[in-house]
Amino acid sequence: MAVSVESWRELAARESGVATADLDALWAQLPTVHAEEILGRWRGAAFATGHPLCRALPASRWYGKNFHSLTRAEPLICRAEDGSLFSNVELGGGEASLWNIEFRGEVTATMVYDGRPVFDHFKRLDESTLMGIMNGRPDLVLAEGEYFYFLLERDGEC
């Protein structure tokens, strides 16, 4: 399937599943983004690839990510039973920081987890939406050799 940048919304809405090859093709077409450009709070959603995190994150009541500064990022903002948002440092093994790091031959904004050998790389889908790929030690992030792919949409409530 040929993937166009314009088709990312259709891929994100597809509940029947998305092939990681299609997401890789989309990623390759997207512009990089600098860490300084993505500060703020973001709502998250997973592409339905079948990766175990597609089930685990909703079970944790994952809301998104909050990038306060380059040195302080909250990778796992979750919703408490009372509806409030909190940084789930236990689940994330701490918090994180933002860097510009090379991935697949391009330097792009990357969140580096403090307590785990895990990196979330980001590229721009549009002015208010990022695509992310979780990378890191294979036994922690890969499922049957496949990465976890997700979206971040800038939170208008910030």
N, C-alpha and C. Protein backbone atom coordinates (compact mmCIF):
# COMPACT_ATOMS: atom_id res chain seq x y z
N MET A 1 0.85 -1.19 0.00
CA MET A 1 0.00 0.00 0.00
C MET A 1 0.88 1.24 0.00
N ALA A 2 0.65 2.13 -0.91
CA ALA A 2 1.35 3.41 -0.92
C ALA A 2 0.72 4.29 0.16
N VAL A 3 1.56 4.89 0.97
CA VAL A 3 1.09 5.71 2.08
C VAL A 3 1.42 7.16 1.80
N SER A 4 0.41 8.02 1.90
CA SER A 4 0.65 9.45 1.74
C SER A 4 0.58 10.11 3.11
N VAL A 5 1.26 11.22 3.23
CA VAL A 5 1.22 11.95 4.49
C VAL A 5 -0.21 12.32 4.84
N GLU A 6 -1.03 12.61 3.84
CA GLU A 6 -2.42 12.99 4.07
C GLU A 6 -3.25 11.85 4.65
N SER A 7 -2.79 10.61 4.53
CA SER A 7 -3.58 9.46 4.98
C SER A 7 -3.34 9.11 6.45
N TRP A 8 -2.54 9.89 7.18
CA TRP A 8 -2.23 9.50 8.54
C TRP A 8 -3.46 9.46 9.44
N ARG A 9 -4.43 10.32 9.21
CA ARG A 9 -5.66 10.29 10.04
C ARG A 9 -6.43 8.99 9.83
N GLU A 10 -6.46 8.52 8.60
CA GLU A 10 -7.14 7.25 8.32
C GLU A 10 -6.40 6.11 9.00
N LEU A 11 -5.08 6.12 8.98
CA LEU A 11 -4.30 5.07 9.67
C LEU A 11 -4.53 5.12 11.18
N ALA A 12 -4.60 6.32 11.73
CA ALA A 12 -4.81 6.46 13.17
C ALA A 12 -6.19 5.98 13.59
N ALA A 13 -7.18 6.15 12.74
CA ALA A 13 -8.56 5.76 13.08
C ALA A 13 -8.83 4.29 12.82
N ARG A 14 -7.95 3.61 12.14
CA ARG A 14 -8.18 2.22 11.75
C ARG A 14 -8.11 1.30 12.96
N GLU A 15 -9.25 0.80 13.40
CA GLU A 15 -9.32 -0.10 14.55
C GLU A 15 -8.98 -1.53 14.18
N SER A 16 -9.10 -1.87 12.90
CA SER A 16 -8.85 -3.24 12.44
C SER A 16 -7.36 -3.57 12.38
N GLY A 17 -6.51 -2.58 12.58
CA GLY A 17 -5.08 -2.81 12.58
C GLY A 17 -4.36 -2.06 11.50
N VAL A 18 -3.13 -1.69 11.80
CA VAL A 18 -2.28 -0.95 10.89
C VAL A 18 -0.97 -1.72 10.76
N ALA A 19 -0.53 -1.92 9.54
CA ALA A 19 0.75 -2.59 9.31
C ALA A 19 1.89 -1.65 9.66
N THR A 20 2.88 -2.16 10.38
CA THR A 20 4.01 -1.32 10.74
C THR A 20 4.78 -0.86 9.50
N ALA A 21 4.74 -1.63 8.43
CA ALA A 21 5.39 -1.20 7.18
C ALA A 21 4.75 0.10 6.66
N ASP A 22 3.43 0.23 6.80
CA ASP A 22 2.75 1.46 6.39
C ASP A 22 3.18 2.63 7.27
N LEU A 23 3.35 2.37 8.57
CA LEU A 23 3.77 3.43 9.49
C LEU A 23 5.22 3.81 9.23
N ASP A 24 6.07 2.83 8.91
CA ASP A 24 7.45 3.14 8.55
C ASP A 24 7.50 4.01 7.30
N ALA A 25 6.65 3.71 6.32
CA ALA A 25 6.60 4.50 5.08
C ALA A 25 6.15 5.92 5.37
N LEU A 26 5.16 6.06 6.23
CA LEU A 26 4.69 7.39 6.63
C LEU A 26 5.80 8.15 7.34
N TRP A 27 6.43 7.51 8.32
CA TRP A 27 7.51 8.13 9.08
C TRP A 27 8.59 8.70 8.15
N ALA A 28 8.96 7.93 7.16
CA ALA A 28 10.04 8.33 6.24
C ALA A 28 9.71 9.62 5.49
N GLN A 29 8.43 9.94 5.33
CA GLN A 29 8.02 11.14 4.59
C GLN A 29 7.89 12.38 5.46
N LEU A 30 7.86 12.20 6.76
CA LEU A 30 7.55 13.32 7.66
C LEU A 30 8.77 14.19 7.94
N PRO A 31 8.52 15.49 8.19
CA PRO A 31 9.62 16.37 8.57
C PRO A 31 10.04 16.14 10.02
N THR A 32 11.32 16.32 10.27
CA THR A 32 11.82 16.22 11.63
C THR A 32 11.34 17.43 12.43
N VAL A 33 11.52 17.35 13.71
CA VAL A 33 11.14 18.44 14.61
C VAL A 33 12.24 18.58 15.65
N HIS A 34 12.46 19.78 16.14
CA HIS A 34 13.48 20.02 17.16
C HIS A 34 12.84 19.93 18.55
N ALA A 35 13.60 19.46 19.50
CA ALA A 35 13.10 19.29 20.86
C ALA A 35 12.48 20.58 21.40
N GLU A 36 13.10 21.70 21.11
CA GLU A 36 12.63 22.99 21.62
C GLU A 36 11.22 23.34 21.11
N GLU A 37 10.82 22.74 19.99
CA GLU A 37 9.55 23.06 19.36
C GLU A 37 8.37 22.28 19.94
N ILE A 38 8.63 21.29 20.77
CA ILE A 38 7.52 20.44 21.21
C ILE A 38 7.19 20.58 22.70
N LEU A 39 7.70 21.62 23.33
CA LEU A 39 7.40 21.84 24.75
C LEU A 39 5.90 22.02 24.94
N GLY A 40 5.37 21.53 26.05
CA GLY A 40 3.96 21.63 26.37
C GLY A 40 3.35 20.27 26.65
N ARG A 41 2.05 20.26 26.86
CA ARG A 41 1.33 19.01 27.17
C ARG A 41 0.68 18.46 25.91
N TRP A 42 0.73 17.13 25.78
CA TRP A 42 0.24 16.43 24.59
C TRP A 42 -0.65 15.27 25.00
N ARG A 43 -1.76 15.08 24.28
CA ARG A 43 -2.62 13.90 24.44
C ARG A 43 -2.09 12.80 23.54
N GLY A 44 -2.09 11.59 24.03
CA GLY A 44 -1.53 10.48 23.27
C GLY A 44 -2.57 9.48 22.81
N ALA A 45 -2.24 8.77 21.74
CA ALA A 45 -3.05 7.68 21.21
C ALA A 45 -2.12 6.73 20.47
N ALA A 46 -2.45 5.46 20.48
CA ALA A 46 -1.62 4.46 19.81
C ALA A 46 -2.18 4.14 18.43
N PHE A 47 -1.29 3.88 17.49
CA PHE A 47 -1.71 3.26 16.23
C PHE A 47 -2.00 1.79 16.56
N ALA A 48 -3.07 1.25 16.01
CA ALA A 48 -3.51 -0.12 16.32
C ALA A 48 -2.68 -1.15 15.55
N THR A 49 -1.46 -1.38 16.03
CA THR A 49 -0.56 -2.33 15.37
C THR A 49 -0.60 -3.71 16.01
N GLY A 50 -1.22 -3.82 17.18
CA GLY A 50 -1.20 -5.08 17.90
C GLY A 50 -0.05 -5.17 18.90
N HIS A 51 0.78 -4.15 18.96
CA HIS A 51 1.87 -4.12 19.95
C HIS A 51 1.24 -4.20 21.34
N PRO A 52 1.86 -4.92 22.29
CA PRO A 52 1.28 -5.02 23.64
C PRO A 52 0.99 -3.68 24.32
N LEU A 53 1.74 -2.62 23.99
CA LEU A 53 1.46 -1.32 24.59
C LEU A 53 0.13 -0.74 24.12
N CYS A 54 -0.39 -1.23 23.00
CA CYS A 54 -1.71 -0.79 22.53
C CYS A 54 -2.80 -1.16 23.54
N ARG A 55 -2.56 -2.19 24.33
CA ARG A 55 -3.50 -2.59 25.39
C ARG A 55 -3.07 -2.07 26.76
N ALA A 56 -1.76 -2.07 27.02
CA ALA A 56 -1.24 -1.70 28.34
C ALA A 56 -1.46 -0.22 28.66
N LEU A 57 -1.26 0.66 27.69
CA LEU A 57 -1.41 2.10 27.97
C LEU A 57 -2.84 2.48 28.33
N PRO A 58 -3.85 2.01 27.59
CA PRO A 58 -5.23 2.33 28.01
C PRO A 58 -5.55 1.74 29.39
N ALA A 59 -5.01 0.58 29.70
CA ALA A 59 -5.24 -0.04 31.01
C ALA A 59 -4.66 0.82 32.13
N SER A 60 -3.57 1.55 31.83
CA SER A 60 -2.95 2.43 32.83
C SER A 60 -3.62 3.80 32.87
N ARG A 61 -4.59 4.00 31.98
CA ARG A 61 -5.30 5.27 31.86
C ARG A 61 -4.37 6.38 31.36
N TRP A 62 -3.50 5.98 30.41
CA TRP A 62 -2.54 6.92 29.83
C TRP A 62 -3.27 8.05 29.13
N TYR A 63 -2.85 9.27 29.45
CA TYR A 63 -3.41 10.46 28.84
C TYR A 63 -2.47 11.02 27.76
N GLY A 64 -1.18 11.06 28.08
CA GLY A 64 -0.23 11.63 27.13
C GLY A 64 1.11 11.93 27.77
N LYS A 65 1.76 13.00 27.31
CA LYS A 65 3.09 13.39 27.77
C LYS A 65 3.10 14.89 28.06
N ASN A 66 4.00 15.30 28.95
CA ASN A 66 4.14 16.72 29.25
C ASN A 66 5.62 17.08 29.20
N PHE A 67 5.98 17.96 28.28
CA PHE A 67 7.36 18.40 28.13
C PHE A 67 7.49 19.80 28.73
N HIS A 68 7.90 19.87 29.98
CA HIS A 68 8.03 21.14 30.68
C HIS A 68 9.20 21.95 30.15
N SER A 69 10.32 21.28 29.95
CA SER A 69 11.55 21.91 29.45
C SER A 69 12.40 20.80 28.84
N LEU A 70 13.55 21.16 28.31
CA LEU A 70 14.41 20.14 27.73
C LEU A 70 14.93 19.16 28.78
N THR A 71 15.02 19.60 30.02
CA THR A 71 15.55 18.74 31.08
C THR A 71 14.47 18.11 31.96
N ARG A 72 13.20 18.44 31.71
CA ARG A 72 12.12 17.87 32.53
C ARG A 72 10.92 17.52 31.65
N ALA A 73 10.73 16.22 31.49
CA ALA A 73 9.60 15.72 30.71
C ALA A 73 8.90 14.62 31.50
N GLU A 74 7.60 14.59 31.42
CA GLU A 74 6.79 13.56 32.06
C GLU A 74 6.27 12.64 30.96
N PRO A 75 6.86 11.44 30.83
CA PRO A 75 6.52 10.56 29.71
C PRO A 75 5.18 9.87 29.82
N LEU A 76 4.72 9.67 31.03
CA LEU A 76 3.47 8.92 31.21
C LEU A 76 2.51 9.69 32.10
N ILE A 77 1.78 10.63 31.50
CA ILE A 77 0.73 11.34 32.21
C ILE A 77 -0.51 10.43 32.15
N CYS A 78 -1.03 10.10 33.32
CA CYS A 78 -2.18 9.20 33.41
C CYS A 78 -3.33 9.91 34.12
N ARG A 79 -4.52 9.35 33.97
CA ARG A 79 -5.70 9.91 34.62
C ARG A 79 -6.02 9.09 35.86
N ALA A 80 -6.11 9.77 37.00
CA ALA A 80 -6.47 9.11 38.26
C ALA A 80 -7.96 8.79 38.28
N GLU A 81 -8.37 8.00 39.25
CA GLU A 81 -9.79 7.63 39.39
C GLU A 81 -10.69 8.86 39.51
N ASP A 82 -10.17 9.93 40.15
CA ASP A 82 -10.98 11.14 40.33
C ASP A 82 -10.97 12.05 39.10
N GLY A 83 -10.26 11.63 38.03
CA GLY A 83 -10.21 12.40 36.80
C GLY A 83 -9.01 13.33 36.68
N SER A 84 -8.28 13.51 37.76
CA SER A 84 -7.11 14.39 37.70
C SER A 84 -5.97 13.71 36.95
N LEU A 85 -5.04 14.51 36.46
CA LEU A 85 -3.88 13.99 35.74
C LEU A 85 -2.67 13.96 36.66
N PHE A 86 -1.83 12.93 36.49
CA PHE A 86 -0.62 12.82 37.29
C PHE A 86 0.47 12.15 36.47
N SER A 87 1.73 12.41 36.82
CA SER A 87 2.86 11.77 36.17
C SER A 87 3.09 10.43 36.85
N ASN A 88 2.93 9.35 36.11
CA ASN A 88 3.08 8.01 36.66
C ASN A 88 4.55 7.61 36.61
N VAL A 89 5.31 8.10 37.60
CA VAL A 89 6.75 7.85 37.63
C VAL A 89 7.05 6.38 37.93
N GLU A 90 6.17 5.71 38.63
CA GLU A 90 6.38 4.29 38.92
C GLU A 90 6.33 3.48 37.62
N LEU A 91 5.32 3.71 36.83
CA LEU A 91 5.17 2.99 35.57
C LEU A 91 6.28 3.33 34.58
N GLY A 92 6.68 4.58 34.55
CA GLY A 92 7.71 5.03 33.61
C GLY A 92 9.13 4.85 34.09
N GLY A 93 9.30 4.42 35.33
CA GLY A 93 10.66 4.29 35.86
C GLY A 93 11.33 5.63 36.06
N GLY A 94 10.54 6.64 36.39
CA GLY A 94 11.05 8.00 36.54
C GLY A 94 10.45 8.91 35.50
N GLU A 95 11.14 10.00 35.25
CA GLU A 95 10.67 10.93 34.24
C GLU A 95 11.61 10.90 33.05
N ALA A 96 11.84 12.02 32.36
CA ALA A 96 12.62 11.98 31.12
C ALA A 96 13.17 13.37 30.78
N SER A 97 13.92 13.44 29.69
CA SER A 97 14.42 14.70 29.16
C SER A 97 14.30 14.66 27.63
N LEU A 98 14.41 15.83 27.01
CA LEU A 98 14.30 15.95 25.55
C LEU A 98 15.66 16.26 24.94
N TRP A 99 15.93 15.61 23.83
CA TRP A 99 17.18 15.78 23.10
C TRP A 99 16.89 15.76 21.61
N ASN A 100 17.83 16.21 20.81
CA ASN A 100 17.79 16.03 19.36
C ASN A 100 18.78 14.90 19.06
N ILE A 101 18.25 13.76 18.61
CA ILE A 101 19.05 12.54 18.45
C ILE A 101 18.81 11.95 17.07
N GLU A 102 19.84 11.33 16.52
CA GLU A 102 19.72 10.68 15.22
C GLU A 102 18.97 9.36 15.35
N PHE A 103 18.01 9.16 14.46
CA PHE A 103 17.26 7.92 14.35
C PHE A 103 16.95 7.73 12.88
N ARG A 104 17.27 6.58 12.36
CA ARG A 104 17.06 6.27 10.94
C ARG A 104 17.68 7.32 10.02
N GLY A 105 18.85 7.80 10.40
CA GLY A 105 19.60 8.72 9.55
C GLY A 105 19.20 10.18 9.62
N GLU A 106 18.27 10.54 10.52
CA GLU A 106 17.83 11.93 10.66
C GLU A 106 17.89 12.33 12.13
N VAL A 107 18.25 13.58 12.38
CA VAL A 107 18.23 14.09 13.74
C VAL A 107 16.84 14.67 13.99
N THR A 108 16.18 14.19 15.05
CA THR A 108 14.83 14.65 15.38
C THR A 108 14.65 14.67 16.89
N ALA A 109 13.61 15.34 17.36
CA ALA A 109 13.33 15.42 18.79
C ALA A 109 13.13 14.02 19.35
N THR A 110 13.74 13.78 20.50
CA THR A 110 13.68 12.47 21.14
C THR A 110 13.56 12.65 22.64
N MET A 111 12.63 11.91 23.24
CA MET A 111 12.50 11.89 24.69
C MET A 111 13.28 10.69 25.21
N VAL A 112 14.18 10.94 26.16
CA VAL A 112 15.02 9.90 26.75
C VAL A 112 14.51 9.65 28.17
N TYR A 113 14.08 8.42 28.43
CA TYR A 113 13.59 8.06 29.75
C TYR A 113 14.74 8.05 30.74
N ASP A 114 14.51 8.57 31.95
CA ASP A 114 15.54 8.61 32.98
C ASP A 114 15.88 7.21 33.50
N GLY A 115 14.88 6.37 33.70
CA GLY A 115 15.09 5.11 34.40
C GLY A 115 15.06 3.87 33.54
N ARG A 116 14.97 4.02 32.22
CA ARG A 116 14.89 2.86 31.33
C ARG A 116 15.68 3.15 30.05
N PRO A 117 16.26 2.13 29.43
CA PRO A 117 16.94 2.34 28.15
C PRO A 117 15.92 2.43 27.01
N VAL A 118 15.12 3.52 27.04
CA VAL A 118 14.03 3.71 26.10
C VAL A 118 14.07 5.15 25.58
N PHE A 119 13.79 5.29 24.27
CA PHE A 119 13.76 6.58 23.58
C PHE A 119 12.46 6.67 22.79
N ASP A 120 11.80 7.81 22.86
CA ASP A 120 10.65 8.09 21.99
C ASP A 120 11.08 9.15 21.00
N HIS A 121 11.11 8.79 19.71
CA HIS A 121 11.49 9.71 18.64
C HIS A 121 10.22 10.34 18.07
N PHE A 122 10.30 11.61 17.66
CA PHE A 122 9.13 12.33 17.16
C PHE A 122 9.39 13.00 15.82
N LYS A 123 8.35 13.01 14.98
CA LYS A 123 8.33 13.79 13.74
C LYS A 123 6.96 14.44 13.63
N ARG A 124 6.88 15.49 12.81
CA ARG A 124 5.66 16.29 12.72
C ARG A 124 4.70 15.74 11.67
N LEU A 125 3.45 15.52 12.08
CA LEU A 125 2.37 15.16 11.15
C LEU A 125 1.68 16.41 10.64
N ASP A 126 1.40 17.36 11.54
CA ASP A 126 0.87 18.67 11.18
C ASP A 126 1.24 19.63 12.30
N GLU A 127 0.71 20.82 12.29
CA GLU A 127 1.12 21.84 13.26
C GLU A 127 0.80 21.48 14.71
N SER A 128 -0.15 20.59 14.93
CA SER A 128 -0.52 20.25 16.31
C SER A 128 -0.43 18.76 16.60
N THR A 129 0.20 17.98 15.71
CA THR A 129 0.25 16.54 15.89
C THR A 129 1.63 15.99 15.57
N LEU A 130 2.12 15.12 16.45
CA LEU A 130 3.39 14.44 16.26
C LEU A 130 3.16 12.94 16.10
N MET A 131 4.04 12.30 15.36
CA MET A 131 4.09 10.85 15.32
C MET A 131 5.29 10.44 16.15
N GLY A 132 5.12 9.38 16.94
CA GLY A 132 6.20 8.88 17.77
C GLY A 132 6.49 7.42 17.51
N ILE A 133 7.76 7.06 17.67
CA ILE A 133 8.19 5.67 17.62
C ILE A 133 9.00 5.42 18.88
N MET A 134 8.61 4.38 19.64
CA MET A 134 9.37 4.01 20.83
C MET A 134 10.51 3.10 20.40
N ASN A 135 11.70 3.45 20.84
CA ASN A 135 12.92 2.73 20.49
C ASN A 135 13.68 2.45 21.78
N GLY A 136 14.60 1.53 21.74
CA GLY A 136 15.42 1.25 22.90
C GLY A 136 15.87 -0.19 22.91
N ARG A 137 16.18 -0.66 24.11
CA ARG A 137 16.64 -2.04 24.23
C ARG A 137 15.54 -2.97 23.73
N PRO A 138 15.87 -3.84 22.77
CA PRO A 138 14.83 -4.66 22.11
C PRO A 138 13.93 -5.45 23.05
N ASP A 139 14.45 -5.99 24.13
CA ASP A 139 13.60 -6.78 25.02
C ASP A 139 12.59 -5.92 25.77
N LEU A 140 12.78 -4.62 25.78
CA LEU A 140 11.84 -3.72 26.44
C LEU A 140 10.82 -3.09 25.50
N VAL A 141 11.20 -2.85 24.25
CA VAL A 141 10.32 -2.06 23.38
C VAL A 141 9.79 -2.79 22.15
N LEU A 142 10.47 -3.82 21.71
CA LEU A 142 10.02 -4.51 20.49
C LEU A 142 9.06 -5.65 20.83
N ALA A 143 8.08 -5.84 20.00
CA ALA A 143 7.15 -6.96 20.10
C ALA A 143 7.20 -7.68 18.77
N GLU A 144 7.73 -8.89 18.79
CA GLU A 144 7.92 -9.66 17.56
C GLU A 144 8.69 -8.84 16.53
N GLY A 145 9.70 -8.12 17.01
CA GLY A 145 10.56 -7.33 16.14
C GLY A 145 9.98 -6.00 15.70
N GLU A 146 8.80 -5.64 16.18
CA GLU A 146 8.12 -4.41 15.75
C GLU A 146 8.15 -3.34 16.84
N TYR A 147 8.29 -2.10 16.40
CA TYR A 147 8.26 -0.95 17.30
C TYR A 147 6.82 -0.60 17.70
N PHE A 148 6.69 0.23 18.74
CA PHE A 148 5.40 0.80 19.15
C PHE A 148 5.30 2.19 18.50
N TYR A 149 4.19 2.44 17.80
CA TYR A 149 3.94 3.69 17.07
C TYR A 149 2.76 4.41 17.72
N PHE A 150 2.90 5.72 17.90
CA PHE A 150 1.84 6.48 18.56
C PHE A 150 1.75 7.89 18.02
N LEU A 151 0.69 8.57 18.44
CA LEU A 151 0.43 9.97 18.08
C LEU A 151 0.43 10.82 19.33
N LEU A 152 0.82 12.05 19.19
CA LEU A 152 0.66 13.05 20.24
C LEU A 152 -0.02 14.26 19.62
N GLU A 153 -1.10 14.70 20.23
CA GLU A 153 -1.81 15.89 19.76
C GLU A 153 -1.68 16.97 20.83
N ARG A 154 -1.26 18.14 20.41
CA ARG A 154 -1.05 19.24 21.38
C ARG A 154 -2.34 19.47 22.15
N ASP A 155 -2.21 19.54 23.46
CA ASP A 155 -3.35 19.69 24.34
C ASP A 155 -3.71 21.16 24.42
N GLY A 156 -4.90 21.49 23.97
CA GLY A 156 -5.36 22.87 23.97
C GLY A 156 -5.68 23.42 25.35
N GLU A 157 -5.68 22.55 26.36
CA GLU A 157 -6.00 22.99 27.72
C GLU A 157 -4.80 23.55 28.46
N CYS A 158 -3.62 23.55 27.84
CA CYS A 158 -2.41 24.01 28.51
C CYS A 158 -2.44 25.51 28.73
